[in-house]
């Protein structure tokens, strides 16, 4: 019951990370029927293309062996040389066809998934010897699908063989009166024809089985909401930790801004909400924002400015606009040059006047 509940909880489609982890473990969607189809197709191609060369490559060494049998040395070295020559002849005859069959087997896996390098399947697991897990494998969906697939293959294969061989039954009976060499071409063509029909039949089985296996695999990879949350935490970080980091960054930024306010040339404020501290010296291309804030931070900026005799100018629309558009340590936008220039010019004029009075 616990397993059923766990399965019922997994209602969300798997993420790409989940699919990649499954692939790394060697858990991939795979149909053995696809492999079988590729191997049988390769065998059909080999038979139709290389049957003559394979027969000739093996026939000639055996014929020479029989014809020259009286010349063969019966001692150890002679028999080893004979075995070596026959081995080389057989390898030369069937080497390329076997290579094609191997490539067909590899292709059967490659078309289903990318290469897998994992030793996960070799690890011992208690579930492999568990009676419950064994019963589930025997009576589960996979077992039912395999049984139905096996029955269909037997019926379909029997129907294909009957459809091809039944019309040839009389000719096949007459073959017992002919020399084997004479009927080799006929039997080869008939075998290729039969294997071609089997390949066509198995193509339907392979496609249907792959779709079924992929669906089963995809269902196994589905995730519960809790699993998605855990994966998000692992990939994006714990929200509580991220929130704490944001608080620390904000505290450091606030401390740095307050340290920069005494160096400002002017503080432009909306008295109830915003404060923007700007600095400007001759030779600078534009005034630079050294601090800005809203509400309590804005109030703190004004308090620091008053404590260090930094001019505070109230300009509601300009304060709002600068707060929304300028970044810390960034130059003010071009569209605010004129308004800010007037304020800084006014502030500099006041400073020059105060300096003259003191003199």
Protein backbone atom coordinates (compact mmCIF):
# COMPACT_ATOMS: atom_id res chain seq x y z
CA UNK A 1 0.00 0.00 0.00
CA UNK A 2 2.84 2.38 0.73
CA UNK A 3 4.27 1.85 -2.72
CA UNK A 4 0.90 2.49 -4.29
CA UNK A 5 0.49 5.72 -2.35
CA UNK A 6 3.96 6.83 -3.30
CA UNK A 7 3.18 6.14 -6.96
CA UNK A 8 -0.13 7.97 -6.75
CA UNK A 9 1.63 11.00 -5.28
CA UNK A 10 3.95 11.26 -8.29
CA UNK A 11 1.70 13.32 -10.52
CA UNK A 12 4.19 15.85 -11.90
CA UNK A 13 6.15 15.41 -15.12
CA UNK A 14 9.87 14.85 -14.47
CA UNK A 15 12.31 17.71 -14.80
CA UNK A 16 15.28 17.56 -17.14
CA UNK A 17 17.56 17.03 -14.12
CA UNK A 18 15.47 14.03 -13.08
CA UNK A 19 15.76 12.52 -16.56
CA UNK A 20 19.51 13.18 -16.67
CA UNK A 21 19.99 11.54 -13.26
CA UNK A 22 18.04 8.50 -14.43
CA UNK A 23 20.26 8.25 -17.50
CA UNK A 24 23.39 8.48 -15.35
CA UNK A 25 22.08 5.57 -13.27
CA UNK A 26 21.54 3.54 -16.43
CA UNK A 27 17.75 3.80 -16.14
CA UNK A 28 16.69 4.51 -19.74
CA UNK A 29 13.73 3.72 -21.96
CA UNK A 30 14.75 0.60 -23.84
CA UNK A 31 12.91 -1.96 -25.94
CA UNK A 32 14.58 -5.29 -26.56
CA UNK A 33 12.40 -5.65 -29.64
CA UNK A 34 14.22 -2.72 -31.25
CA UNK A 35 17.53 -4.54 -30.75
CA UNK A 36 16.04 -7.74 -32.13
CA UNK A 37 14.73 -5.92 -35.20
CA UNK A 38 18.12 -4.38 -35.94
CA UNK A 39 19.93 -7.71 -35.55
CA UNK A 40 17.48 -9.60 -37.76
CA UNK A 41 17.55 -6.80 -40.32
CA UNK A 42 21.33 -6.96 -40.30
CA UNK A 43 21.23 -10.74 -40.68
CA UNK A 44 18.87 -10.40 -43.64
CA UNK A 45 21.19 -7.87 -45.27
CA UNK A 46 24.21 -10.09 -44.63
CA UNK A 47 22.46 -13.14 -46.05
CA UNK A 48 21.29 -11.34 -49.18
CA UNK A 49 24.64 -9.63 -49.78
CA UNK A 50 27.36 -11.97 -48.51
CA UNK A 51 25.85 -15.45 -48.74
CA UNK A 52 27.80 -16.24 -51.92
CA UNK A 53 31.11 -14.91 -50.65
CA UNK A 54 30.70 -16.63 -47.27
CA UNK A 55 29.93 -19.96 -48.94
CA UNK A 56 32.80 -19.62 -51.38
CA UNK A 57 35.24 -18.47 -48.68
CA UNK A 58 34.52 -21.54 -46.57
CA UNK A 59 34.01 -24.01 -49.44
CA UNK A 60 37.40 -23.56 -51.08
CA UNK A 61 39.56 -24.27 -47.98
CA UNK A 62 37.44 -27.31 -47.12
CA UNK A 63 37.64 -28.60 -50.68
CA UNK A 64 41.40 -28.16 -50.70
CA UNK A 65 41.56 -29.93 -47.36
CA UNK A 66 39.77 -32.98 -48.73
CA UNK A 67 41.64 -33.02 -52.03
CA UNK A 68 45.05 -32.67 -50.39
CA UNK A 69 44.31 -34.63 -47.25
CA UNK A 70 47.12 -37.07 -48.01
CA UNK A 71 49.62 -34.21 -47.73
CA UNK A 72 48.57 -33.18 -44.22
CA UNK A 73 51.06 -33.96 -41.52
CA UNK A 74 49.47 -35.75 -38.60
CA UNK A 75 51.96 -34.55 -35.99
CA UNK A 76 51.36 -31.71 -33.56
CA UNK A 77 52.87 -28.83 -35.53
CA UNK A 78 51.11 -29.98 -38.72
CA UNK A 79 47.69 -30.09 -37.09
CA UNK A 80 48.26 -26.67 -35.48
CA UNK A 81 49.18 -25.21 -38.89
CA UNK A 82 46.03 -26.77 -40.38
CA UNK A 83 43.83 -25.37 -37.63
CA UNK A 84 45.43 -21.94 -38.04
CA UNK A 85 44.85 -21.90 -41.80
CA UNK A 86 41.20 -22.97 -41.41
CA UNK A 87 40.70 -20.35 -38.68
CA UNK A 88 42.06 -17.58 -40.91
CA UNK A 89 39.88 -18.76 -43.81
CA UNK A 90 36.72 -18.73 -41.65
CA UNK A 91 37.55 -15.29 -40.18
CA UNK A 92 38.17 -13.89 -43.66
CA UNK A 93 34.85 -15.30 -44.85
CA UNK A 94 32.61 -14.22 -41.96
CA UNK A 95 34.57 -11.28 -40.48
CA UNK A 96 32.76 -8.51 -42.35
CA UNK A 97 29.27 -10.04 -41.86
CA UNK A 98 29.90 -10.46 -38.13
CA UNK A 99 31.10 -6.86 -37.94
CA UNK A 100 27.87 -5.74 -39.62
CA UNK A 101 25.81 -7.72 -37.12
CA UNK A 102 27.74 -6.13 -34.23
CA UNK A 103 27.14 -2.66 -35.66
CA UNK A 104 23.44 -3.48 -36.06
CA UNK A 105 23.26 -4.50 -32.37
CA UNK A 106 24.97 -1.26 -31.32
CA UNK A 107 22.68 0.78 -33.57
CA UNK A 108 19.66 -0.84 -31.90
CA UNK A 109 20.72 0.78 -28.62
CA UNK A 110 21.93 4.07 -30.08
CA UNK A 111 18.59 4.89 -31.72
CA UNK A 112 16.83 4.54 -28.36
CA UNK A 113 19.13 6.57 -26.10
CA UNK A 114 22.58 8.08 -25.94
CA UNK A 115 25.50 6.08 -24.62
CA UNK A 116 25.25 4.98 -20.99
CA UNK A 117 28.31 4.40 -18.79
CA UNK A 118 27.00 3.28 -15.43
CA UNK A 119 27.72 0.48 -12.99
CA UNK A 120 24.47 1.01 -11.10
CA UNK A 121 22.91 -2.15 -12.58
CA UNK A 122 25.79 -4.24 -11.20
CA UNK A 123 25.22 -3.18 -7.59
CA UNK A 124 23.46 -5.76 -5.37
CA UNK A 125 19.91 -4.79 -4.42
CA UNK A 126 17.55 -6.48 -1.98
CA UNK A 127 14.63 -5.75 -4.32
CA UNK A 128 16.08 -8.24 -6.80
CA UNK A 129 15.57 -11.09 -4.33
CA UNK A 130 12.45 -9.73 -2.64
CA UNK A 131 9.42 -12.04 -3.04
CA UNK A 132 7.12 -9.04 -3.22
CA UNK A 133 9.14 -7.35 -5.93
CA UNK A 134 9.39 -10.67 -7.78
CA UNK A 135 5.62 -11.17 -7.66
CA UNK A 136 5.13 -7.64 -8.93
CA UNK A 137 7.44 -8.36 -11.85
CA UNK A 138 5.60 -11.59 -12.63
CA UNK A 139 2.06 -10.20 -12.42
CA UNK A 140 2.68 -6.55 -13.27
CA UNK A 141 2.02 -4.53 -16.40
CA UNK A 142 5.43 -5.37 -17.83
CA UNK A 143 4.86 -9.11 -17.50
CA UNK A 144 1.40 -8.82 -19.06
CA UNK A 145 2.80 -6.79 -21.94
CA UNK A 146 5.60 -9.32 -22.50
CA UNK A 147 3.09 -12.19 -22.53
CA UNK A 148 0.82 -10.42 -25.01
CA UNK A 149 3.81 -9.52 -27.14
CA UNK A 150 5.06 -13.11 -27.15
CA UNK A 151 1.66 -14.49 -28.16
CA UNK A 152 1.34 -11.93 -30.94
CA UNK A 153 4.83 -12.71 -32.25
CA UNK A 154 4.15 -16.45 -32.34
CA UNK A 155 0.84 -15.97 -34.15
CA UNK A 156 2.23 -13.37 -36.55
CA UNK A 157 5.37 -15.37 -37.27
CA UNK A 158 3.34 -18.48 -37.92
CA UNK A 159 1.03 -16.56 -40.25
CA UNK A 160 3.98 -15.06 -42.16
CA UNK A 161 5.73 -18.40 -42.57
CA UNK A 162 2.51 -20.07 -43.65
CA UNK A 163 1.75 -17.34 -46.18
CA UNK A 164 5.22 -17.63 -47.74
CA UNK A 165 5.97 -21.37 -47.49
CA UNK A 166 2.53 -22.84 -48.14
CA UNK A 167 2.49 -21.89 -51.86
CA UNK A 168 5.99 -23.41 -52.17
CA UNK A 169 5.17 -26.71 -50.45
CA UNK A 170 5.16 -28.81 -53.63
CA UNK A 171 8.48 -27.40 -54.84
CA UNK A 172 10.03 -27.93 -51.40
CA UNK A 173 9.01 -31.58 -51.48
CA UNK A 174 10.76 -32.05 -54.83
CA UNK A 175 14.05 -30.73 -53.45
CA UNK A 176 14.88 -34.14 -51.93
CA UNK A 177 15.52 -35.46 -55.43
CA UNK A 178 17.96 -32.68 -56.44
CA UNK A 179 21.63 -32.18 -55.78
CA UNK A 180 22.18 -29.83 -52.77
CA UNK A 181 24.34 -27.50 -54.85
CA UNK A 182 21.45 -27.01 -57.30
CA UNK A 183 18.93 -25.95 -54.70
CA UNK A 184 21.25 -23.58 -52.81
CA UNK A 185 20.19 -20.47 -54.77
CA UNK A 186 16.51 -21.32 -54.46
CA UNK A 187 16.66 -21.88 -50.71
CA UNK A 188 18.75 -18.73 -50.25
CA UNK A 189 16.21 -16.59 -52.10
CA UNK A 190 13.34 -18.18 -50.22
CA UNK A 191 15.08 -17.63 -46.89
CA UNK A 192 15.77 -13.96 -47.70
CA UNK A 193 12.13 -13.52 -48.72
CA UNK A 194 10.98 -15.11 -45.47
CA UNK A 195 13.35 -13.03 -43.34
CA UNK A 196 12.26 -9.85 -45.12
CA UNK A 197 8.64 -10.58 -44.21
CA UNK A 198 9.68 -11.30 -40.62
CA UNK A 199 11.57 -7.98 -40.47
CA UNK A 200 8.47 -6.13 -41.68
CA UNK A 201 6.30 -7.89 -39.08
CA UNK A 202 8.78 -7.25 -36.27
CA UNK A 203 8.96 -3.56 -37.17
CA UNK A 204 5.35 -3.17 -36.02
CA UNK A 205 6.08 -5.07 -32.80
CA UNK A 206 9.26 -3.07 -32.13
CA UNK A 207 7.57 0.32 -32.58
CA UNK A 208 4.62 -0.62 -30.36
CA UNK A 209 6.91 -2.09 -27.70
CA UNK A 210 9.18 0.96 -27.66
CA UNK A 211 6.20 3.30 -27.19
CA UNK A 212 5.00 1.11 -24.32
CA UNK A 213 8.45 0.90 -22.71
CA UNK A 214 8.97 4.65 -23.04
CA UNK A 215 5.60 5.34 -21.41
CA UNK A 216 6.40 2.97 -18.54
CA UNK A 217 9.82 4.57 -18.08
CA UNK A 218 8.36 8.08 -18.16
CA UNK A 219 5.77 7.13 -15.54
CA UNK A 220 8.57 5.82 -13.29
CA UNK A 221 10.37 9.16 -13.54
CA UNK A 222 7.37 11.24 -12.48
CA UNK A 223 7.82 13.29 -9.33
CA UNK A 224 5.76 14.25 -6.33
CA UNK A 225 5.38 17.88 -5.31
CA UNK A 226 7.72 17.29 -2.37
CA UNK A 227 10.39 15.87 -4.68
CA UNK A 228 10.09 18.90 -6.94
CA UNK A 229 10.50 21.21 -3.96
CA UNK A 230 13.58 19.32 -2.79
CA UNK A 231 15.11 19.43 -6.27
CA UNK A 232 14.41 23.15 -6.50
CA UNK A 233 16.14 23.67 -3.18
CA UNK A 234 19.16 21.71 -4.34
CA UNK A 235 19.43 23.49 -7.68
CA UNK A 236 18.40 27.00 -6.68
CA UNK A 237 19.29 26.98 -3.00
CA UNK A 238 17.21 26.97 0.17
CA UNK A 239 14.80 29.97 0.14
CA UNK A 240 15.56 30.65 3.81
CA UNK A 241 19.29 30.76 3.11
CA UNK A 242 18.76 32.94 0.06
CA UNK A 243 16.59 35.30 2.10
CA UNK A 244 19.28 35.57 4.76
CA UNK A 245 21.90 36.30 2.10
CA UNK A 246 19.71 39.04 0.67
CA UNK A 247 19.39 40.56 4.14
CA UNK A 248 23.16 40.50 4.60
CA UNK A 249 23.74 42.08 1.19
CA UNK A 250 21.15 44.77 1.93
CA UNK A 251 22.79 45.51 5.30
CA UNK A 252 26.23 45.84 3.70
CA UNK A 253 24.81 48.07 0.96
CA UNK A 254 23.10 50.29 3.53
CA UNK A 255 26.30 50.60 5.57
CA UNK A 256 28.30 51.49 2.48
CA UNK A 257 25.73 54.08 1.40
CA UNK A 258 25.68 55.78 4.79
CA UNK A 259 29.47 55.97 4.72
CA UNK A 260 29.27 57.68 1.31
CA UNK A 261 26.60 60.28 2.22
CA UNK A 262 29.08 62.67 3.95
CA UNK A 263 30.97 62.86 0.62
CA UNK A 264 27.84 63.85 -1.32
CA UNK A 265 27.39 67.24 -2.93
CA UNK A 266 23.63 67.37 -2.42
CA UNK A 267 20.73 65.22 -1.27
CA UNK A 268 17.54 65.51 -3.33
CA UNK A 269 14.45 64.40 -1.42
CA UNK A 270 10.76 63.83 -1.51
CA UNK A 271 10.41 64.60 2.20
CA UNK A 272 8.00 61.74 2.92
CA UNK A 273 9.41 58.89 0.84
CA UNK A 274 12.64 59.20 -1.20
CA UNK A 275 16.18 60.50 -0.81
CA UNK A 276 18.94 60.46 -3.44
CA UNK A 277 22.48 61.60 -2.59
CA UNK A 278 24.55 62.89 -5.52
CA UNK A 279 28.19 63.87 -5.76
CA UNK A 280 29.79 66.07 -8.40
CA UNK A 281 33.27 67.50 -8.86
CA UNK A 282 34.75 69.51 -11.66
CA UNK A 283 35.98 67.28 -14.44
CA UNK A 284 33.28 64.63 -13.95
CA UNK A 285 31.12 63.88 -16.98
CA UNK A 286 27.93 63.75 -14.90
CA UNK A 287 26.83 63.63 -11.25
CA UNK A 288 27.01 60.19 -9.63
CA UNK A 289 24.53 58.64 -7.20
CA UNK A 290 26.31 57.54 -4.00
CA UNK A 291 23.22 56.64 -1.98
CA UNK A 292 19.49 56.31 -2.38
CA UNK A 293 16.65 54.92 -0.32
CA UNK A 294 12.97 54.94 0.47
CA UNK A 295 11.08 55.45 3.72
CA UNK A 296 13.33 54.61 6.73
CA UNK A 297 16.51 54.51 4.63
CA UNK A 298 15.56 57.86 3.08
CA UNK A 299 15.11 59.30 6.56
CA UNK A 300 18.49 57.93 7.64
CA UNK A 301 20.17 59.49 4.58
CA UNK A 302 18.71 62.89 5.49
CA UNK A 303 19.83 62.53 9.10
CA UNK A 304 23.40 61.73 8.07
CA UNK A 305 23.37 64.59 5.56
CA UNK A 306 22.21 67.07 8.23
CA UNK A 307 24.87 65.82 10.64
CA UNK A 308 27.60 66.55 8.05
CA UNK A 309 26.10 69.79 6.68
CA UNK A 310 25.25 68.32 3.28
CA UNK A 311 22.67 70.49 1.46
CA UNK A 312 19.21 68.90 1.25
CA UNK A 313 16.96 70.05 -1.59
CA UNK A 314 13.30 69.08 -1.81
CA UNK A 315 12.17 68.26 -5.33
CA UNK A 316 9.39 65.68 -5.39
CA UNK A 317 9.28 64.73 -9.11
CA UNK A 318 13.08 64.74 -9.51
CA UNK A 319 13.61 62.65 -6.36
CA UNK A 320 11.09 60.06 -7.59
CA UNK A 321 12.58 59.97 -11.09
CA UNK A 322 16.18 59.63 -9.87
CA UNK A 323 15.25 56.92 -7.39
CA UNK A 324 13.56 54.90 -10.15
CA UNK A 325 16.23 55.31 -12.85
CA UNK A 326 19.69 55.71 -11.33
CA UNK A 327 21.73 52.93 -9.69
CA UNK A 328 24.23 53.21 -6.84
CA UNK A 329 27.61 54.42 -8.17
CA UNK A 330 25.94 55.14 -11.50
CA UNK A 331 25.72 58.41 -13.40
CA UNK A 332 22.36 60.12 -13.61
CA UNK A 333 20.41 59.71 -16.88
CA UNK A 334 20.85 62.34 -19.59
CA UNK A 335 17.25 63.51 -19.35
CA UNK A 336 17.88 64.73 -15.78
CA UNK A 337 21.11 66.65 -16.52
CA UNK A 338 19.42 70.05 -16.70
CA UNK A 339 17.37 69.75 -13.50
CA UNK A 340 20.29 68.35 -11.49
CA UNK A 341 22.71 70.93 -12.93
CA UNK A 342 20.46 73.75 -11.71
CA UNK A 343 20.35 72.27 -8.20
CA UNK A 344 24.11 71.66 -8.03
CA UNK A 345 24.77 75.13 -9.40
CA UNK A 346 22.49 76.59 -6.74
CA UNK A 347 24.27 74.58 -4.02
CA UNK A 348 27.71 75.65 -5.24
CA UNK A 349 26.54 79.25 -5.31
CA UNK A 350 25.42 78.99 -1.73
CA UNK A 351 28.76 77.54 -0.72
CA UNK A 352 30.67 80.29 -2.47
CA UNK A 353 28.48 82.88 -0.72
CA UNK A 354 29.05 81.34 2.64
CA UNK A 355 32.80 81.20 2.01
CA UNK A 356 32.84 84.91 1.08
CA UNK A 357 31.03 85.91 4.26
CA UNK A 358 33.44 83.95 6.41
CA UNK A 359 36.35 85.73 4.75
